Amino acid sequence: MVAVSAPYVAGFLAFREVPFLVEAVQRLQQEQPKLKPQVLLVDGNGLLHPRGFGVACHLGVLTDLPCIGVAKNLLQVDGLVRDELHREQVRPGWGFISTL
């Protein structure tokens, strides 16, 4: 657990949380060098961020590890309209990974 002093600002999660995540990865590498992760699953968006570079991208660049953003909300996909049909297709509890 960490104490976060910065407020949550939608769209800027990486600036608030990535420093702590980088520190956790570095501590793992120092304390258990044989346990280097092959990939990190990140609670947040990556390339599907509205600015095209979410928390998963930030963490990947700073740790030099592949990261996959596993977000609770689908923020952006080119050509996708978030209308009633979209809401019917993406049922609660399934997430959007089930549409792959």
N, C-alpha and C. Protein backbone atom coordinates (compact mmCIF):
# COMPACT_ATOMS: atom_id res chain seq x y z
N MET A 1 0.85 -1.17 0.00
CA MET A 1 0.00 0.00 0.00
C MET A 1 0.89 1.24 0.00
N VAL A 2 0.41 2.24 -0.71
CA VAL A 2 1.13 3.51 -0.77
C VAL A 2 0.16 4.64 -0.49
N ALA A 3 0.70 5.74 -0.03
CA ALA A 3 -0.10 6.94 0.19
C ALA A 3 0.04 7.83 -1.05
N VAL A 4 -1.07 8.04 -1.72
CA VAL A 4 -1.07 8.88 -2.92
C VAL A 4 -1.51 10.27 -2.53
N SER A 5 -0.67 11.26 -2.83
CA SER A 5 -0.99 12.62 -2.44
C SER A 5 -1.65 13.41 -3.57
N ALA A 6 -1.45 12.99 -4.81
CA ALA A 6 -2.04 13.70 -5.94
C ALA A 6 -3.51 13.30 -6.10
N PRO A 7 -4.36 14.23 -6.48
CA PRO A 7 -5.77 13.89 -6.69
C PRO A 7 -5.96 13.11 -7.98
N TYR A 8 -7.05 12.38 -8.07
CA TYR A 8 -7.38 11.67 -9.31
C TYR A 8 -7.91 12.70 -10.31
N VAL A 9 -7.33 12.70 -11.50
CA VAL A 9 -7.80 13.53 -12.59
C VAL A 9 -8.02 12.60 -13.79
N ALA A 10 -9.26 12.52 -14.26
CA ALA A 10 -9.59 11.62 -15.36
C ALA A 10 -8.67 11.87 -16.55
N GLY A 11 -8.10 10.79 -17.08
CA GLY A 11 -7.22 10.90 -18.24
C GLY A 11 -5.76 11.06 -17.90
N PHE A 12 -5.44 11.27 -16.63
CA PHE A 12 -4.06 11.49 -16.21
C PHE A 12 -3.63 10.54 -15.09
N LEU A 13 -4.19 9.34 -15.09
CA LEU A 13 -3.90 8.35 -14.06
C LEU A 13 -2.41 8.01 -13.98
N ALA A 14 -1.75 7.95 -15.13
CA ALA A 14 -0.33 7.55 -15.16
C ALA A 14 0.53 8.48 -14.32
N PHE A 15 0.26 9.75 -14.37
CA PHE A 15 1.09 10.71 -13.63
C PHE A 15 0.93 10.55 -12.13
N ARG A 16 -0.17 9.99 -11.70
CA ARG A 16 -0.42 9.78 -10.28
C ARG A 16 0.11 8.43 -9.80
N GLU A 17 -0.03 7.37 -10.61
CA GLU A 17 0.22 6.03 -10.12
C GLU A 17 1.47 5.34 -10.66
N VAL A 18 1.95 5.72 -11.82
CA VAL A 18 3.09 5.02 -12.42
C VAL A 18 4.36 5.08 -11.57
N PRO A 19 4.69 6.19 -10.92
CA PRO A 19 5.91 6.17 -10.09
C PRO A 19 5.91 5.05 -9.05
N PHE A 20 4.76 4.76 -8.45
CA PHE A 20 4.67 3.68 -7.46
C PHE A 20 4.80 2.31 -8.12
N LEU A 21 4.23 2.17 -9.31
CA LEU A 21 4.32 0.90 -10.03
C LEU A 21 5.75 0.63 -10.48
N VAL A 22 6.43 1.67 -10.96
CA VAL A 22 7.84 1.52 -11.36
C VAL A 22 8.68 1.11 -10.15
N GLU A 23 8.42 1.74 -9.02
CA GLU A 23 9.15 1.39 -7.80
C GLU A 23 8.92 -0.07 -7.41
N ALA A 24 7.69 -0.55 -7.55
CA ALA A 24 7.39 -1.95 -7.22
C ALA A 24 8.14 -2.91 -8.15
N VAL A 25 8.19 -2.59 -9.43
CA VAL A 25 8.92 -3.43 -10.40
C VAL A 25 10.41 -3.43 -10.07
N GLN A 26 10.96 -2.26 -9.76
CA GLN A 26 12.38 -2.16 -9.42
C GLN A 26 12.70 -2.93 -8.15
N ARG A 27 11.82 -2.85 -7.15
CA ARG A 27 12.05 -3.61 -5.91
C ARG A 27 12.02 -5.10 -6.18
N LEU A 28 11.10 -5.56 -7.03
CA LEU A 28 11.05 -6.97 -7.38
C LEU A 28 12.34 -7.40 -8.06
N GLN A 29 12.85 -6.59 -8.98
CA GLN A 29 14.08 -6.92 -9.70
C GLN A 29 15.29 -6.94 -8.77
N GLN A 30 15.30 -6.07 -7.75
CA GLN A 30 16.42 -6.04 -6.80
C GLN A 30 16.35 -7.19 -5.82
N GLU A 31 15.15 -7.46 -5.30
CA GLU A 31 15.01 -8.47 -4.26
C GLU A 31 14.90 -9.89 -4.80
N GLN A 32 14.36 -10.04 -6.00
CA GLN A 32 14.17 -11.37 -6.60
C GLN A 32 14.57 -11.31 -8.08
N PRO A 33 15.85 -11.17 -8.39
CA PRO A 33 16.26 -11.00 -9.79
C PRO A 33 15.88 -12.16 -10.71
N LYS A 34 15.65 -13.34 -10.15
CA LYS A 34 15.25 -14.49 -10.98
C LYS A 34 13.77 -14.43 -11.38
N LEU A 35 13.01 -13.52 -10.78
CA LEU A 35 11.57 -13.43 -11.04
C LEU A 35 11.21 -12.26 -11.96
N LYS A 36 11.98 -12.04 -13.00
CA LYS A 36 11.68 -10.94 -13.92
C LYS A 36 10.40 -11.25 -14.69
N PRO A 37 9.41 -10.36 -14.63
CA PRO A 37 8.15 -10.61 -15.35
C PRO A 37 8.37 -10.60 -16.86
N GLN A 38 7.63 -11.45 -17.56
CA GLN A 38 7.68 -11.44 -19.02
C GLN A 38 6.70 -10.43 -19.59
N VAL A 39 5.63 -10.14 -18.85
CA VAL A 39 4.63 -9.16 -19.26
C VAL A 39 3.91 -8.66 -18.01
N LEU A 40 3.46 -7.42 -18.05
CA LEU A 40 2.70 -6.85 -16.94
C LEU A 40 1.29 -6.56 -17.40
N LEU A 41 0.30 -6.99 -16.62
CA LEU A 41 -1.09 -6.64 -16.86
C LEU A 41 -1.42 -5.46 -15.97
N VAL A 42 -1.84 -4.37 -16.58
CA VAL A 42 -2.00 -3.10 -15.86
C VAL A 42 -3.47 -2.74 -15.77
N ASP A 43 -3.91 -2.36 -14.58
CA ASP A 43 -5.29 -1.94 -14.36
C ASP A 43 -5.47 -0.53 -14.91
N GLY A 44 -5.75 -0.44 -16.19
CA GLY A 44 -5.92 0.85 -16.87
C GLY A 44 -5.72 0.68 -18.36
N ASN A 45 -5.94 1.73 -19.10
CA ASN A 45 -5.80 1.68 -20.55
C ASN A 45 -4.35 1.81 -20.98
N GLY A 46 -4.10 1.41 -22.20
CA GLY A 46 -2.80 1.58 -22.85
C GLY A 46 -3.01 2.42 -24.08
N LEU A 47 -2.94 1.79 -25.26
CA LEU A 47 -3.14 2.50 -26.51
C LEU A 47 -4.58 2.94 -26.72
N LEU A 48 -5.54 2.33 -26.04
CA LEU A 48 -6.93 2.73 -26.19
C LEU A 48 -7.31 3.93 -25.32
N HIS A 49 -6.33 4.57 -24.75
CA HIS A 49 -6.54 5.81 -24.01
C HIS A 49 -6.94 6.91 -25.00
N PRO A 50 -7.79 7.87 -24.60
CA PRO A 50 -8.18 8.93 -25.53
C PRO A 50 -6.99 9.70 -26.12
N ARG A 51 -5.90 9.79 -25.40
CA ARG A 51 -4.71 10.46 -25.93
C ARG A 51 -3.73 9.47 -26.56
N GLY A 52 -4.12 8.19 -26.59
CA GLY A 52 -3.32 7.17 -27.25
C GLY A 52 -2.13 6.67 -26.47
N PHE A 53 -2.04 7.02 -25.18
CA PHE A 53 -0.88 6.61 -24.39
C PHE A 53 -1.27 6.61 -22.91
N GLY A 54 -1.89 5.51 -22.47
CA GLY A 54 -2.38 5.43 -21.10
C GLY A 54 -1.36 4.88 -20.13
N VAL A 55 -1.83 4.54 -18.95
CA VAL A 55 -0.98 4.10 -17.85
C VAL A 55 -0.15 2.86 -18.22
N ALA A 56 -0.72 1.95 -19.00
CA ALA A 56 0.03 0.75 -19.40
C ALA A 56 1.21 1.12 -20.30
N CYS A 57 1.01 2.06 -21.19
CA CYS A 57 2.11 2.52 -22.06
C CYS A 57 3.21 3.19 -21.25
N HIS A 58 2.82 4.07 -20.34
CA HIS A 58 3.80 4.76 -19.49
C HIS A 58 4.66 3.75 -18.73
N LEU A 59 3.99 2.77 -18.12
CA LEU A 59 4.72 1.78 -17.32
C LEU A 59 5.65 0.95 -18.20
N GLY A 60 5.21 0.59 -19.38
CA GLY A 60 6.04 -0.19 -20.30
C GLY A 60 7.29 0.56 -20.72
N VAL A 61 7.16 1.83 -21.02
CA VAL A 61 8.31 2.63 -21.43
C VAL A 61 9.31 2.76 -20.28
N LEU A 62 8.80 3.01 -19.08
CA LEU A 62 9.69 3.25 -17.95
C LEU A 62 10.34 1.98 -17.38
N THR A 63 9.72 0.83 -17.60
CA THR A 63 10.28 -0.42 -17.07
C THR A 63 10.93 -1.28 -18.15
N ASP A 64 10.73 -0.93 -19.39
CA ASP A 64 11.23 -1.71 -20.53
C ASP A 64 10.65 -3.13 -20.51
N LEU A 65 9.40 -3.23 -20.08
CA LEU A 65 8.69 -4.51 -20.07
C LEU A 65 7.41 -4.36 -20.89
N PRO A 66 6.99 -5.43 -21.58
CA PRO A 66 5.71 -5.36 -22.28
C PRO A 66 4.56 -5.25 -21.29
N CYS A 67 3.64 -4.35 -21.57
CA CYS A 67 2.50 -4.13 -20.69
C CYS A 67 1.20 -4.21 -21.49
N ILE A 68 0.19 -4.78 -20.88
CA ILE A 68 -1.14 -4.85 -21.49
C ILE A 68 -2.10 -4.12 -20.56
N GLY A 69 -2.79 -3.14 -21.11
CA GLY A 69 -3.79 -2.42 -20.34
C GLY A 69 -5.07 -3.22 -20.25
N VAL A 70 -5.52 -3.48 -19.03
CA VAL A 70 -6.76 -4.23 -18.80
C VAL A 70 -7.70 -3.28 -18.06
N ALA A 71 -8.40 -2.49 -18.84
CA ALA A 71 -9.23 -1.43 -18.26
C ALA A 71 -10.64 -1.91 -17.95
N LYS A 72 -11.27 -1.24 -17.01
CA LYS A 72 -12.65 -1.54 -16.67
C LYS A 72 -13.60 -0.91 -17.69
N ASN A 73 -13.16 0.17 -18.31
CA ASN A 73 -14.00 0.88 -19.29
C ASN A 73 -13.28 1.00 -20.61
N LEU A 74 -14.01 0.77 -21.68
CA LEU A 74 -13.48 0.94 -23.01
C LEU A 74 -13.59 2.42 -23.37
N LEU A 75 -12.45 3.11 -23.45
CA LEU A 75 -12.49 4.55 -23.67
C LEU A 75 -12.52 4.93 -25.14
N GLN A 76 -11.77 4.22 -25.98
CA GLN A 76 -11.68 4.65 -27.37
C GLN A 76 -11.26 3.51 -28.28
N VAL A 77 -11.98 3.35 -29.36
CA VAL A 77 -11.59 2.45 -30.45
C VAL A 77 -12.05 3.14 -31.73
N ASP A 78 -11.14 3.31 -32.67
CA ASP A 78 -11.51 3.95 -33.93
C ASP A 78 -12.67 3.22 -34.59
N GLY A 79 -13.67 3.96 -34.99
CA GLY A 79 -14.82 3.38 -35.69
C GLY A 79 -15.90 2.83 -34.78
N LEU A 80 -15.68 2.80 -33.47
CA LEU A 80 -16.67 2.26 -32.55
C LEU A 80 -17.54 3.39 -32.03
N VAL A 81 -18.82 3.22 -32.17
CA VAL A 81 -19.78 4.19 -31.65
C VAL A 81 -20.38 3.61 -30.38
N ARG A 82 -20.32 4.36 -29.31
CA ARG A 82 -20.83 3.85 -28.03
C ARG A 82 -22.32 4.20 -27.92
N ASP A 83 -23.15 3.46 -28.62
CA ASP A 83 -24.58 3.68 -28.61
C ASP A 83 -25.29 2.52 -27.91
N GLU A 84 -26.60 2.46 -28.05
CA GLU A 84 -27.37 1.41 -27.38
C GLU A 84 -26.97 0.01 -27.85
N LEU A 85 -26.71 -0.16 -29.14
CA LEU A 85 -26.27 -1.46 -29.66
C LEU A 85 -24.96 -1.88 -29.01
N HIS A 86 -24.04 -0.95 -28.86
CA HIS A 86 -22.75 -1.25 -28.21
C HIS A 86 -22.99 -1.72 -26.78
N ARG A 87 -23.85 -1.02 -26.04
CA ARG A 87 -24.12 -1.39 -24.65
C ARG A 87 -24.75 -2.78 -24.55
N GLU A 88 -25.58 -3.15 -25.53
CA GLU A 88 -26.18 -4.48 -25.52
C GLU A 88 -25.13 -5.57 -25.79
N GLN A 89 -24.18 -5.28 -26.67
CA GLN A 89 -23.18 -6.27 -27.05
C GLN A 89 -22.13 -6.48 -25.96
N VAL A 90 -21.80 -5.44 -25.23
CA VAL A 90 -20.81 -5.53 -24.15
C VAL A 90 -21.58 -5.62 -22.84
N ARG A 91 -21.90 -6.84 -22.47
CA ARG A 91 -22.71 -7.06 -21.28
C ARG A 91 -21.89 -6.87 -20.01
N PRO A 92 -22.49 -6.33 -18.95
CA PRO A 92 -21.77 -6.19 -17.68
C PRO A 92 -21.25 -7.53 -17.21
N GLY A 93 -20.05 -7.53 -16.67
CA GLY A 93 -19.46 -8.75 -16.14
C GLY A 93 -18.60 -9.48 -17.16
N TRP A 94 -18.80 -9.20 -18.44
CA TRP A 94 -18.00 -9.85 -19.48
C TRP A 94 -16.81 -9.01 -19.87
N GLY A 95 -16.93 -7.70 -19.74
CA GLY A 95 -15.85 -6.83 -20.20
C GLY A 95 -15.78 -6.86 -21.71
N PHE A 96 -14.88 -6.07 -22.25
CA PHE A 96 -14.81 -6.00 -23.71
C PHE A 96 -13.84 -7.00 -24.29
N ILE A 97 -13.10 -7.74 -23.46
CA ILE A 97 -12.19 -8.74 -23.99
C ILE A 97 -12.95 -9.92 -24.60
N SER A 98 -14.20 -10.11 -24.17
CA SER A 98 -14.97 -11.23 -24.69
C SER A 98 -15.35 -11.03 -26.15
N THR A 99 -15.21 -9.84 -26.69
CA THR A 99 -15.58 -9.58 -28.07
C THR A 99 -14.44 -9.91 -29.02
N LEU A 100 -13.27 -10.35 -28.51
CA LEU A 100 -12.14 -10.64 -29.39
C LEU A 100 -12.32 -11.92 -30.15
